[in-house]
Amino acid sequence: MYSDLEMDALREIGNIGAGNAATALSMLLCKKITIKVPQIKIIPFDEVSQSVGGPEKLVAGIFMRISGDIEGNILIVIPEIDAYHLTEILLNAKRENGMDFSEMEKSALLELGNIVGSSYVTALSDFTKLSLKISVPSFAFDMAGAIISFPLSLYGYIGDTAFLIDTEFTEGLDGIRLHYFLIPDDKSLQLLLKAIGVNTVEHINQSRNGRI
């Protein structure tokens, strides 16, 4: 399946990406933001909706496309209540009752998604030395099953494997949780794993060579 080296590398990428995201959000909100160590999982794409509470659970979704040396999709899934709370924090205003998000609330969540997505992609690119870029984000609010099928409806295919980085904000964003999915296209998966594995070995060897 996946080696310990690959899993260690994914954890390191997750940690760096989450740290970058926390720093960027701290600057955006002018307040201290801290996070728990992200939980890293590799799951079949068919199990993605179950990992966020089931296909009928209402969630906000932010989608971005990765291009460059590898191609794939980024999907950030935010539970309904957390999404409502996030808009109040981001806009510093109590939201009106109702399920629908205003254009301003959508814009705020898209900005947050862009910050988080860019932070993780930058960490991945720096670690693997792959050239990567992401598209402008898009937003949807629907049942998890529909949200997760969105990339499939756009491109007609999607990778079979999802890398899940569960991130929980412990200070500044009051325990809000984001489910961050990196779903490489099938043809890019092996290239990504090879880049991760090679650079993990190099990182370990450099660390050993530096010991006294």
N, C-alpha and C. Protein backbone atom coordinates (compact mmCIF):
# COMPACT_ATOMS: atom_id res chain seq x y z
N MET A 1 0.85 -1.18 0.00
CA MET A 1 0.00 0.00 0.00
C MET A 1 0.89 1.24 0.00
N TYR A 2 0.96 1.97 1.12
CA TYR A 2 1.80 3.16 1.20
C TYR A 2 2.83 2.96 2.29
N SER A 3 4.08 3.32 1.98
CA SER A 3 5.18 3.07 2.89
C SER A 3 5.15 4.05 4.06
N ASP A 4 5.90 3.69 5.11
CA ASP A 4 6.02 4.60 6.26
C ASP A 4 6.66 5.92 5.83
N LEU A 5 7.62 5.85 4.88
CA LEU A 5 8.26 7.07 4.41
C LEU A 5 7.26 8.00 3.73
N GLU A 6 6.40 7.41 2.90
CA GLU A 6 5.40 8.23 2.21
C GLU A 6 4.42 8.86 3.20
N MET A 7 3.99 8.07 4.19
CA MET A 7 3.06 8.60 5.19
C MET A 7 3.73 9.69 6.02
N ASP A 8 4.99 9.49 6.39
CA ASP A 8 5.72 10.51 7.14
C ASP A 8 5.83 11.80 6.34
N ALA A 9 6.08 11.66 5.03
CA ALA A 9 6.19 12.83 4.17
C ALA A 9 4.86 13.57 4.08
N LEU A 10 3.78 12.82 3.95
CA LEU A 10 2.45 13.45 3.89
C LEU A 10 2.13 14.18 5.18
N ARG A 11 2.51 13.59 6.31
CA ARG A 11 2.29 14.26 7.60
C ARG A 11 3.09 15.56 7.67
N GLU A 12 4.33 15.51 7.19
CA GLU A 12 5.16 16.72 7.23
C GLU A 12 4.57 17.80 6.32
N ILE A 13 4.12 17.40 5.13
CA ILE A 13 3.49 18.35 4.22
C ILE A 13 2.24 18.94 4.86
N GLY A 14 1.44 18.07 5.50
CA GLY A 14 0.24 18.54 6.18
C GLY A 14 0.55 19.52 7.29
N ASN A 15 1.58 19.24 8.08
CA ASN A 15 1.97 20.12 9.17
C ASN A 15 2.44 21.48 8.65
N ILE A 16 3.28 21.44 7.61
CA ILE A 16 3.79 22.70 7.05
C ILE A 16 2.66 23.51 6.43
N GLY A 17 1.81 22.83 5.66
CA GLY A 17 0.68 23.51 5.02
C GLY A 17 -0.26 24.13 6.04
N ALA A 18 -0.56 23.38 7.11
CA ALA A 18 -1.45 23.90 8.15
C ALA A 18 -0.82 25.09 8.86
N GLY A 19 0.48 25.01 9.11
CA GLY A 19 1.18 26.13 9.73
C GLY A 19 1.16 27.37 8.86
N ASN A 20 1.39 27.16 7.54
CA ASN A 20 1.32 28.29 6.61
C ASN A 20 -0.08 28.91 6.59
N ALA A 21 -1.10 28.04 6.59
CA ALA A 21 -2.48 28.52 6.57
C ALA A 21 -2.80 29.32 7.83
N ALA A 22 -2.36 28.82 8.98
CA ALA A 22 -2.62 29.51 10.24
C ALA A 22 -1.95 30.89 10.25
N THR A 23 -0.73 30.96 9.73
CA THR A 23 -0.02 32.25 9.67
C THR A 23 -0.75 33.23 8.76
N ALA A 24 -1.17 32.76 7.59
CA ALA A 24 -1.87 33.64 6.64
C ALA A 24 -3.21 34.10 7.20
N LEU A 25 -3.94 33.20 7.85
CA LEU A 25 -5.23 33.57 8.43
C LEU A 25 -5.06 34.53 9.61
N SER A 26 -3.97 34.36 10.37
CA SER A 26 -3.68 35.28 11.46
C SER A 26 -3.50 36.70 10.94
N MET A 27 -2.81 36.82 9.81
CA MET A 27 -2.59 38.14 9.21
C MET A 27 -3.90 38.71 8.66
N LEU A 28 -4.73 37.84 8.07
CA LEU A 28 -6.00 38.29 7.51
C LEU A 28 -6.94 38.80 8.60
N LEU A 29 -7.00 38.07 9.72
CA LEU A 29 -7.96 38.38 10.77
C LEU A 29 -7.37 39.24 11.89
N CYS A 30 -6.05 39.47 11.83
CA CYS A 30 -5.38 40.26 12.87
C CYS A 30 -5.60 39.65 14.25
N LYS A 31 -5.50 38.33 14.33
CA LYS A 31 -5.65 37.63 15.61
C LYS A 31 -4.83 36.34 15.54
N LYS A 32 -4.49 35.82 16.71
CA LYS A 32 -3.71 34.60 16.76
C LYS A 32 -4.57 33.41 16.35
N ILE A 33 -4.04 32.59 15.44
CA ILE A 33 -4.72 31.38 14.99
C ILE A 33 -3.79 30.19 15.27
N THR A 34 -4.29 29.21 15.98
CA THR A 34 -3.51 27.99 16.21
C THR A 34 -4.33 26.78 15.79
N ILE A 35 -3.64 25.69 15.50
CA ILE A 35 -4.28 24.49 14.99
C ILE A 35 -3.75 23.26 15.70
N LYS A 36 -4.55 22.20 15.69
CA LYS A 36 -4.06 20.90 16.12
C LYS A 36 -3.20 20.31 15.01
N VAL A 37 -2.36 19.33 15.36
CA VAL A 37 -1.61 18.61 14.33
C VAL A 37 -2.62 17.93 13.42
N PRO A 38 -2.56 18.19 12.11
CA PRO A 38 -3.57 17.61 11.20
C PRO A 38 -3.53 16.08 11.21
N GLN A 39 -4.70 15.48 11.05
CA GLN A 39 -4.82 14.03 10.91
C GLN A 39 -4.76 13.68 9.42
N ILE A 40 -3.85 12.78 9.06
CA ILE A 40 -3.63 12.43 7.66
C ILE A 40 -4.19 11.03 7.40
N LYS A 41 -5.00 10.90 6.36
CA LYS A 41 -5.53 9.60 5.97
C LYS A 41 -5.48 9.49 4.45
N ILE A 42 -5.34 8.26 3.98
CA ILE A 42 -5.46 7.98 2.55
C ILE A 42 -6.64 7.05 2.39
N ILE A 43 -7.65 7.49 1.63
CA ILE A 43 -8.88 6.72 1.52
C ILE A 43 -9.31 6.61 0.06
N PRO A 44 -10.06 5.55 -0.28
CA PRO A 44 -10.63 5.46 -1.63
C PRO A 44 -11.61 6.61 -1.85
N PHE A 45 -11.67 7.10 -3.08
CA PHE A 45 -12.57 8.23 -3.36
C PHE A 45 -14.02 7.90 -3.00
N ASP A 46 -14.41 6.64 -3.17
CA ASP A 46 -15.79 6.25 -2.86
C ASP A 46 -16.15 6.44 -1.40
N GLU A 47 -15.14 6.56 -0.52
CA GLU A 47 -15.41 6.70 0.91
C GLU A 47 -15.32 8.15 1.39
N VAL A 48 -15.10 9.08 0.47
CA VAL A 48 -14.90 10.47 0.87
C VAL A 48 -16.13 11.04 1.58
N SER A 49 -17.32 10.81 1.03
CA SER A 49 -18.52 11.38 1.64
C SER A 49 -18.76 10.82 3.03
N GLN A 50 -18.42 9.54 3.25
CA GLN A 50 -18.58 8.96 4.59
C GLN A 50 -17.65 9.62 5.59
N SER A 51 -16.49 10.04 5.14
CA SER A 51 -15.49 10.62 6.04
C SER A 51 -15.91 11.99 6.56
N VAL A 52 -16.91 12.61 5.94
CA VAL A 52 -17.36 13.94 6.39
C VAL A 52 -18.77 13.87 6.99
N GLY A 53 -19.22 12.68 7.31
CA GLY A 53 -20.51 12.54 7.99
C GLY A 53 -21.60 11.88 7.20
N GLY A 54 -21.30 11.45 5.98
CA GLY A 54 -22.30 10.77 5.16
C GLY A 54 -22.74 11.61 3.98
N PRO A 55 -23.23 10.98 2.91
CA PRO A 55 -23.57 11.70 1.67
C PRO A 55 -24.71 12.69 1.80
N GLU A 56 -25.56 12.56 2.84
CA GLU A 56 -26.70 13.46 2.98
C GLU A 56 -26.43 14.62 3.94
N LYS A 57 -25.24 14.69 4.49
CA LYS A 57 -24.90 15.76 5.42
C LYS A 57 -24.68 17.07 4.65
N LEU A 58 -25.29 18.15 5.13
CA LEU A 58 -25.12 19.45 4.49
C LEU A 58 -23.73 20.02 4.79
N VAL A 59 -23.04 20.43 3.75
CA VAL A 59 -21.69 20.97 3.91
C VAL A 59 -21.47 22.10 2.90
N ALA A 60 -20.51 22.95 3.21
CA ALA A 60 -20.00 23.91 2.24
C ALA A 60 -18.77 23.30 1.59
N GLY A 61 -18.65 23.47 0.30
CA GLY A 61 -17.51 22.92 -0.42
C GLY A 61 -16.80 23.99 -1.23
N ILE A 62 -15.47 23.96 -1.18
CA ILE A 62 -14.65 24.87 -1.98
C ILE A 62 -13.74 24.02 -2.85
N PHE A 63 -13.83 24.23 -4.15
CA PHE A 63 -13.13 23.37 -5.11
C PHE A 63 -12.07 24.17 -5.86
N MET A 64 -10.90 23.53 -6.05
CA MET A 64 -9.83 24.10 -6.88
C MET A 64 -9.18 22.99 -7.68
N ARG A 65 -8.70 23.32 -8.83
CA ARG A 65 -8.02 22.37 -9.71
C ARG A 65 -6.52 22.61 -9.65
N ILE A 66 -5.73 21.54 -9.49
CA ILE A 66 -4.27 21.62 -9.51
C ILE A 66 -3.80 21.32 -10.93
N SER A 67 -2.82 22.09 -11.39
CA SER A 67 -2.19 21.81 -12.68
C SER A 67 -0.69 22.01 -12.55
N GLY A 68 0.04 21.56 -13.55
CA GLY A 68 1.49 21.65 -13.51
C GLY A 68 2.11 20.29 -13.72
N ASP A 69 3.13 19.97 -12.92
CA ASP A 69 3.80 18.67 -13.06
C ASP A 69 2.87 17.51 -12.71
N ILE A 70 1.92 17.76 -11.84
CA ILE A 70 0.86 16.79 -11.60
C ILE A 70 -0.48 17.51 -11.71
N GLU A 71 -1.54 16.74 -11.94
CA GLU A 71 -2.87 17.33 -12.04
C GLU A 71 -3.81 16.61 -11.09
N GLY A 72 -4.80 17.34 -10.63
CA GLY A 72 -5.75 16.75 -9.70
C GLY A 72 -6.70 17.80 -9.16
N ASN A 73 -7.36 17.46 -8.08
CA ASN A 73 -8.38 18.32 -7.50
C ASN A 73 -8.12 18.55 -6.01
N ILE A 74 -8.48 19.74 -5.57
CA ILE A 74 -8.51 20.05 -4.14
C ILE A 74 -9.97 20.31 -3.78
N LEU A 75 -10.42 19.67 -2.73
CA LEU A 75 -11.77 19.89 -2.25
C LEU A 75 -11.71 20.14 -0.75
N ILE A 76 -12.15 21.33 -0.33
CA ILE A 76 -12.22 21.67 1.09
C ILE A 76 -13.69 21.58 1.50
N VAL A 77 -13.97 20.70 2.45
CA VAL A 77 -15.34 20.48 2.91
C VAL A 77 -15.46 21.01 4.34
N ILE A 78 -16.46 21.88 4.56
CA ILE A 78 -16.67 22.50 5.86
C ILE A 78 -18.08 22.14 6.34
N PRO A 79 -18.21 21.51 7.51
CA PRO A 79 -19.54 21.20 8.03
C PRO A 79 -20.42 22.44 8.08
N GLU A 80 -21.72 22.26 7.90
CA GLU A 80 -22.67 23.37 7.79
C GLU A 80 -22.53 24.38 8.93
N ILE A 81 -22.59 23.91 10.18
CA ILE A 81 -22.54 24.82 11.33
C ILE A 81 -21.21 25.56 11.39
N ASP A 82 -20.12 24.85 11.09
CA ASP A 82 -18.81 25.49 11.08
C ASP A 82 -18.73 26.55 9.99
N ALA A 83 -19.35 26.29 8.85
CA ALA A 83 -19.33 27.27 7.76
C ALA A 83 -20.07 28.54 8.16
N TYR A 84 -21.23 28.39 8.82
CA TYR A 84 -21.96 29.56 9.30
C TYR A 84 -21.10 30.36 10.29
N HIS A 85 -20.48 29.65 11.21
CA HIS A 85 -19.65 30.30 12.24
C HIS A 85 -18.46 31.00 11.60
N LEU A 86 -17.87 30.36 10.60
CA LEU A 86 -16.73 30.96 9.91
C LEU A 86 -17.08 32.30 9.28
N THR A 87 -18.24 32.37 8.64
CA THR A 87 -18.60 33.64 8.00
C THR A 87 -18.75 34.75 9.03
N GLU A 88 -19.26 34.43 10.22
CA GLU A 88 -19.39 35.45 11.26
C GLU A 88 -18.02 35.95 11.71
N ILE A 89 -17.06 35.02 11.83
CA ILE A 89 -15.71 35.40 12.24
C ILE A 89 -15.02 36.20 11.14
N LEU A 90 -15.12 35.73 9.91
CA LEU A 90 -14.44 36.38 8.80
C LEU A 90 -14.99 37.77 8.52
N LEU A 91 -16.29 37.94 8.68
CA LEU A 91 -16.92 39.23 8.38
C LEU A 91 -17.17 40.07 9.63
N ASN A 92 -16.89 39.48 10.80
CA ASN A 92 -17.09 40.18 12.08
C ASN A 92 -18.50 40.73 12.20
N ALA A 93 -19.46 39.87 11.87
CA ALA A 93 -20.87 40.28 11.91
C ALA A 93 -21.75 39.06 12.13
N LYS A 94 -22.80 39.23 12.90
CA LYS A 94 -23.76 38.16 13.13
C LYS A 94 -24.55 37.93 11.85
N ARG A 95 -24.62 36.68 11.42
CA ARG A 95 -25.36 36.41 10.19
C ARG A 95 -26.86 36.32 10.46
N GLU A 96 -27.62 36.59 9.45
CA GLU A 96 -29.07 36.48 9.55
C GLU A 96 -29.46 35.00 9.54
N ASN A 97 -30.61 34.70 10.14
CA ASN A 97 -31.09 33.32 10.14
C ASN A 97 -31.37 32.87 8.71
N GLY A 98 -31.19 31.58 8.48
CA GLY A 98 -31.42 31.04 7.15
C GLY A 98 -30.24 30.20 6.71
N MET A 99 -30.51 29.29 5.78
CA MET A 99 -29.47 28.37 5.33
C MET A 99 -28.59 28.96 4.24
N ASP A 100 -29.17 29.79 3.37
CA ASP A 100 -28.43 30.29 2.23
C ASP A 100 -27.33 31.25 2.65
N PHE A 101 -26.24 31.23 1.89
CA PHE A 101 -25.13 32.16 2.12
C PHE A 101 -25.27 33.36 1.20
N SER A 102 -25.04 34.55 1.75
CA SER A 102 -25.05 35.76 0.92
C SER A 102 -23.81 35.76 0.03
N GLU A 103 -23.82 36.64 -0.96
CA GLU A 103 -22.66 36.75 -1.86
C GLU A 103 -21.41 37.15 -1.08
N MET A 104 -21.58 38.02 -0.07
CA MET A 104 -20.43 38.43 0.74
C MET A 104 -19.89 37.25 1.56
N GLU A 105 -20.80 36.44 2.09
CA GLU A 105 -20.37 35.26 2.86
C GLU A 105 -19.66 34.25 1.97
N LYS A 106 -20.19 34.04 0.78
CA LYS A 106 -19.53 33.13 -0.17
C LYS A 106 -18.14 33.64 -0.51
N SER A 107 -18.03 34.94 -0.73
CA SER A 107 -16.74 35.54 -1.07
C SER A 107 -15.73 35.35 0.07
N ALA A 108 -16.19 35.50 1.31
CA ALA A 108 -15.31 35.33 2.46
C ALA A 108 -14.84 33.88 2.57
N LEU A 109 -15.74 32.93 2.35
CA LEU A 109 -15.36 31.52 2.42
C LEU A 109 -14.43 31.14 1.26
N LEU A 110 -14.66 31.73 0.10
CA LEU A 110 -13.77 31.48 -1.03
C LEU A 110 -12.36 32.00 -0.75
N GLU A 111 -12.27 33.16 -0.11
CA GLU A 111 -10.96 33.71 0.25
C GLU A 111 -10.25 32.81 1.24
N LEU A 112 -11.00 32.32 2.23
CA LEU A 112 -10.41 31.38 3.18
C LEU A 112 -9.95 30.12 2.47
N GLY A 113 -10.78 29.58 1.58
CA GLY A 113 -10.41 28.38 0.83
C GLY A 113 -9.17 28.60 -0.01
N ASN A 114 -9.07 29.77 -0.62
CA ASN A 114 -7.90 30.09 -1.44
C ASN A 114 -6.64 30.13 -0.60
N ILE A 115 -6.74 30.71 0.60
CA ILE A 115 -5.59 30.78 1.51
C ILE A 115 -5.16 29.38 1.95
N VAL A 116 -6.13 28.58 2.38
CA VAL A 116 -5.81 27.24 2.86
C VAL A 116 -5.29 26.37 1.72
N GLY A 117 -5.98 26.42 0.57
CA GLY A 117 -5.55 25.62 -0.57
C GLY A 117 -4.15 25.98 -1.03
N SER A 118 -3.88 27.27 -1.15
CA SER A 118 -2.56 27.73 -1.58
C SER A 118 -1.48 27.34 -0.59
N SER A 119 -1.80 27.38 0.71
CA SER A 119 -0.82 27.04 1.74
C SER A 119 -0.37 25.58 1.62
N TYR A 120 -1.33 24.70 1.41
CA TYR A 120 -0.99 23.28 1.29
C TYR A 120 -0.29 22.97 -0.02
N VAL A 121 -0.72 23.60 -1.10
CA VAL A 121 -0.07 23.35 -2.40
C VAL A 121 1.36 23.88 -2.40
N THR A 122 1.57 25.03 -1.77
CA THR A 122 2.93 25.56 -1.65
C THR A 122 3.82 24.61 -0.85
N ALA A 123 3.29 24.08 0.25
CA ALA A 123 4.05 23.11 1.05
C ALA A 123 4.37 21.86 0.23
N LEU A 124 3.39 21.39 -0.53
CA LEU A 124 3.60 20.20 -1.37
C LEU A 124 4.64 20.46 -2.45
N SER A 125 4.54 21.63 -3.08
CA SER A 125 5.48 21.98 -4.13
C SER A 125 6.90 22.14 -3.59
N ASP A 126 7.05 22.81 -2.45
CA ASP A 126 8.37 23.01 -1.85
C ASP A 126 8.99 21.67 -1.46
N PHE A 127 8.18 20.77 -0.94
CA PHE A 127 8.71 19.48 -0.47
C PHE A 127 9.10 18.57 -1.63
N THR A 128 8.25 18.50 -2.66
CA THR A 128 8.48 17.56 -3.76
C THR A 128 9.30 18.14 -4.90
N LYS A 129 9.46 19.47 -4.91
CA LYS A 129 10.13 20.19 -6.00
C LYS A 129 9.33 20.11 -7.31
N LEU A 130 8.04 19.79 -7.21
CA LEU A 130 7.17 19.80 -8.38
C LEU A 130 6.63 21.21 -8.60
N SER A 131 6.45 21.58 -9.87
CA SER A 131 5.87 22.88 -10.20
C SER A 131 4.35 22.74 -10.22
N LEU A 132 3.66 23.44 -9.32
CA LEU A 132 2.22 23.30 -9.18
C LEU A 132 1.55 24.67 -9.10
N LYS A 133 0.34 24.74 -9.59
CA LYS A 133 -0.48 25.94 -9.42
C LYS A 133 -1.93 25.51 -9.27
N ILE A 134 -2.74 26.40 -8.69
CA ILE A 134 -4.15 26.07 -8.48
C ILE A 134 -5.05 27.09 -9.16
N SER A 135 -6.24 26.64 -9.50
CA SER A 135 -7.20 27.50 -10.17
C SER A 135 -7.89 28.43 -9.19
N VAL A 136 -8.66 29.35 -9.73
CA VAL A 136 -9.54 30.18 -8.90
C VAL A 136 -10.56 29.26 -8.24
N PRO A 137 -10.83 29.42 -6.94
CA PRO A 137 -11.76 28.51 -6.25
C PRO A 137 -13.21 28.76 -6.63
N SER A 138 -14.02 27.72 -6.50
CA SER A 138 -15.46 27.84 -6.68
C SER A 138 -16.15 27.29 -5.43
N PHE A 139 -17.40 27.75 -5.19
CA PHE A 139 -18.10 27.45 -3.95
C PHE A 139 -19.43 26.76 -4.23
N ALA A 140 -19.80 25.83 -3.35
CA ALA A 140 -21.11 25.19 -3.43
C ALA A 140 -21.57 24.84 -2.02
N PHE A 141 -22.87 24.85 -1.81
CA PHE A 141 -23.46 24.44 -0.53
C PHE A 141 -24.55 23.42 -0.84
N ASP A 142 -24.33 22.18 -0.38
CA ASP A 142 -25.23 21.10 -0.76
C ASP A 142 -24.94 19.91 0.14
N MET A 143 -25.59 18.79 -0.14
CA MET A 143 -25.28 17.56 0.56
C MET A 143 -23.89 17.08 0.15
N ALA A 144 -23.20 16.42 1.08
CA ALA A 144 -21.82 16.02 0.85
C ALA A 144 -21.67 15.17 -0.41
N GLY A 145 -22.62 14.29 -0.66
CA GLY A 145 -22.55 13.44 -1.85
C GLY A 145 -22.51 14.25 -3.13
N ALA A 146 -23.33 15.32 -3.19
CA ALA A 146 -23.35 16.18 -4.37
C ALA A 146 -22.08 17.01 -4.48
N ILE A 147 -21.60 17.52 -3.34
CA ILE A 147 -20.38 18.33 -3.33
C ILE A 147 -19.20 17.52 -3.84
N ILE A 148 -19.09 16.31 -3.37
CA ILE A 148 -17.94 15.48 -3.71
C ILE A 148 -18.01 14.99 -5.15
N SER A 149 -19.21 14.95 -5.72
CA SER A 149 -19.37 14.57 -7.13
C SER A 149 -19.11 15.74 -8.08
N PHE A 150 -18.95 16.95 -7.54
CA PHE A 150 -18.81 18.14 -8.37
C PHE A 150 -17.62 18.05 -9.34
N PRO A 151 -16.42 17.67 -8.87
CA PRO A 151 -15.31 17.56 -9.83
C PRO A 151 -15.59 16.55 -10.93
N LEU A 152 -16.30 15.48 -10.58
CA LEU A 152 -16.64 14.45 -11.57
C LEU A 152 -17.54 15.03 -12.65
N SER A 153 -18.49 15.89 -12.24
CA SER A 153 -19.40 16.50 -13.21
C SER A 153 -18.67 17.47 -14.14
N LEU A 154 -17.60 18.08 -13.63
CA LEU A 154 -16.84 19.04 -14.45
C LEU A 154 -15.92 18.35 -15.44
N TYR A 155 -15.22 17.30 -14.97
CA TYR A 155 -14.15 16.72 -15.77
C TYR A 155 -14.48 15.33 -16.32
N GLY A 156 -15.57 14.72 -15.83
CA GLY A 156 -15.95 13.41 -16.34
C GLY A 156 -15.15 12.26 -15.77
N TYR A 157 -14.18 12.57 -14.93
CA TYR A 157 -13.37 11.55 -14.26
C TYR A 157 -12.77 12.15 -13.01
N ILE A 158 -12.29 11.30 -12.15
CA ILE A 158 -11.60 11.77 -10.94
C ILE A 158 -10.73 10.63 -10.43
N GLY A 159 -9.65 10.96 -9.75
CA GLY A 159 -8.76 9.93 -9.24
C GLY A 159 -9.45 9.02 -8.25
N ASP A 160 -8.92 7.81 -8.12
CA ASP A 160 -9.52 6.81 -7.22
C ASP A 160 -9.11 6.99 -5.77
N THR A 161 -8.05 7.77 -5.52
CA THR A 161 -7.48 7.89 -4.18
C THR A 161 -7.53 9.33 -3.70
N ALA A 162 -7.92 9.52 -2.44
CA ALA A 162 -7.98 10.86 -1.85
C ALA A 162 -7.06 10.92 -0.64
N PHE A 163 -6.27 11.97 -0.56
CA PHE A 163 -5.45 12.25 0.61
C PHE A 163 -6.22 13.24 1.47
N LEU A 164 -6.60 12.83 2.66
CA LEU A 164 -7.41 13.65 3.56
C LEU A 164 -6.52 14.26 4.63
N ILE A 165 -6.57 15.58 4.76
CA ILE A 165 -5.86 16.29 5.82
C ILE A 165 -6.93 17.00 6.65
N ASP A 166 -7.27 16.42 7.80
CA ASP A 166 -8.26 17.00 8.69
C ASP A 166 -7.60 18.04 9.58
N THR A 167 -8.07 19.27 9.48
CA THR A 167 -7.46 20.38 10.21
C THR A 167 -8.48 21.00 11.16
N GLU A 168 -8.10 21.12 12.44
CA GLU A 168 -8.98 21.73 13.43
C GLU A 168 -8.29 22.95 14.04
N PHE A 169 -8.97 24.08 14.01
CA PHE A 169 -8.44 25.31 14.57
C PHE A 169 -8.80 25.36 16.06
N THR A 170 -7.80 25.47 16.91
CA THR A 170 -8.03 25.41 18.35
C THR A 170 -8.06 26.78 19.02
N GLU A 171 -7.57 27.78 18.34
CA GLU A 171 -7.59 29.14 18.89
C GLU A 171 -7.81 30.12 17.75
N GLY A 172 -8.65 31.10 17.99
CA GLY A 172 -8.90 32.11 16.98
C GLY A 172 -10.08 31.79 16.07
N LEU A 173 -10.30 30.50 15.82
CA LEU A 173 -11.44 30.09 15.02
C LEU A 173 -12.30 29.07 15.76
N ASP A 174 -12.12 28.99 17.07
CA ASP A 174 -13.06 28.31 17.96
C ASP A 174 -13.37 26.87 17.59
N GLY A 175 -12.36 26.09 17.30
CA GLY A 175 -12.56 24.66 17.08
C GLY A 175 -13.19 24.31 15.74
N ILE A 176 -13.24 25.23 14.82
CA ILE A 176 -13.79 24.96 13.49
C ILE A 176 -12.91 23.94 12.77
N ARG A 177 -13.56 23.04 12.06
CA ARG A 177 -12.84 21.94 11.42
C ARG A 177 -13.01 22.00 9.90
N LEU A 178 -11.91 21.79 9.21
CA LEU A 178 -11.91 21.72 7.75
C LEU A 178 -11.45 20.33 7.33
N HIS A 179 -12.12 19.77 6.33
CA HIS A 179 -11.68 18.53 5.71
C HIS A 179 -11.05 18.91 4.37
N TYR A 180 -9.75 18.71 4.26
CA TYR A 180 -9.00 19.10 3.06
C TYR A 180 -8.65 17.83 2.28
N PHE A 181 -9.17 17.72 1.06
CA PHE A 181 -8.90 16.55 0.24
C PHE A 181 -8.03 16.93 -0.95
N LEU A 182 -6.94 16.21 -1.11
CA LEU A 182 -6.13 16.28 -2.32
C LEU A 182 -6.40 15.00 -3.09
N ILE A 183 -6.93 15.15 -4.31
CA ILE A 183 -7.32 13.98 -5.11
C ILE A 183 -6.58 14.04 -6.44
N PRO A 184 -5.37 13.47 -6.50
CA PRO A 184 -4.61 13.51 -7.76
C PRO A 184 -5.27 12.64 -8.83
N ASP A 185 -5.18 13.09 -10.08
CA ASP A 185 -5.62 12.24 -11.18
C ASP A 185 -4.81 10.94 -11.16
N ASP A 186 -5.40 9.87 -11.66
CA ASP A 186 -4.74 8.57 -11.59
C ASP A 186 -3.35 8.59 -12.21
N LYS A 187 -3.20 9.27 -13.33
CA LYS A 187 -1.90 9.29 -14.01
C LYS A 187 -0.87 10.10 -13.24
N SER A 188 -1.32 10.96 -12.32
CA SER A 188 -0.40 11.78 -11.52
C SER A 188 -0.07 11.15 -10.17
N LEU A 189 -0.84 10.14 -9.75
CA LEU A 189 -0.67 9.59 -8.41
C LEU A 189 0.71 9.00 -8.20
N GLN A 190 1.17 8.17 -9.13
CA GLN A 190 2.47 7.53 -8.97
C GLN A 190 3.61 8.55 -9.01
N LEU A 191 3.48 9.56 -9.86
CA LEU A 191 4.49 10.62 -9.91
C LEU A 191 4.57 11.36 -8.59
N LEU A 192 3.40 11.63 -8.00
CA LEU A 192 3.36 12.31 -6.70
C LEU A 192 3.99 11.46 -5.62
N LEU A 193 3.62 10.18 -5.57
CA LEU A 193 4.17 9.28 -4.54
C LEU A 193 5.68 9.10 -4.72
N LYS A 194 6.13 9.03 -5.97
CA LYS A 194 7.57 8.91 -6.22
C LYS A 194 8.30 10.15 -5.73
N ALA A 195 7.75 11.33 -6.03
CA ALA A 195 8.38 12.59 -5.59
C ALA A 195 8.40 12.68 -4.07
N ILE A 196 7.31 12.28 -3.43
CA ILE A 196 7.24 12.30 -1.98
C ILE A 196 8.25 11.33 -1.39
N GLY A 197 8.31 10.10 -1.92
CA GLY A 197 9.22 9.09 -1.38
C GLY A 197 10.67 9.46 -1.55
N VAL A 198 11.03 9.94 -2.73
CA VAL A 198 12.43 10.31 -3.00
C VAL A 198 12.87 11.44 -2.09
N ASN A 199 12.04 12.46 -1.95
CA ASN A 199 12.43 13.61 -1.15
C ASN A 199 12.42 13.31 0.34
N THR A 200 11.60 12.34 0.76
CA THR A 200 11.65 11.92 2.16
C THR A 200 12.97 11.25 2.47
N VAL A 201 13.41 10.36 1.57
CA VAL A 201 14.69 9.68 1.76
C VAL A 201 15.83 10.71 1.79
N GLU A 202 15.79 11.67 0.86
CA GLU A 202 16.83 12.71 0.83
C GLU A 202 16.82 13.50 2.14
N HIS A 203 15.63 13.83 2.63
CA HIS A 203 15.50 14.60 3.87
C HIS A 203 16.09 13.83 5.04
N ILE A 204 15.79 12.54 5.12
CA ILE A 204 16.31 11.72 6.22
C ILE A 204 17.83 11.59 6.12
N ASN A 205 18.35 11.37 4.90
CA ASN A 205 19.79 11.23 4.72
C ASN A 205 20.51 12.52 5.08
N GLN A 206 19.93 13.65 4.71
CA GLN A 206 20.55 14.93 5.05
C GLN A 206 20.58 15.13 6.56
N SER A 207 19.51 14.70 7.23
CA SER A 207 19.45 14.83 8.67
C SER A 207 20.52 13.96 9.33
N ARG A 208 20.69 12.75 8.81
CA ARG A 208 21.69 11.84 9.38
C ARG A 208 23.10 12.35 9.15
N ASN A 209 23.31 12.90 7.92
CA ASN A 209 24.64 13.40 7.60
C ASN A 209 25.03 14.59 8.46
N GLY A 210 24.02 15.27 8.96
CA GLY A 210 24.28 16.45 9.78
C GLY A 210 24.54 16.13 11.23
N ARG A 211 24.39 14.86 11.62
CA ARG A 211 24.59 14.50 13.03
C ARG A 211 26.08 14.42 13.36
N ILE A 212 26.36 14.68 14.63
CA ILE A 212 27.75 14.57 15.11
C ILE A 212 27.99 13.17 15.64
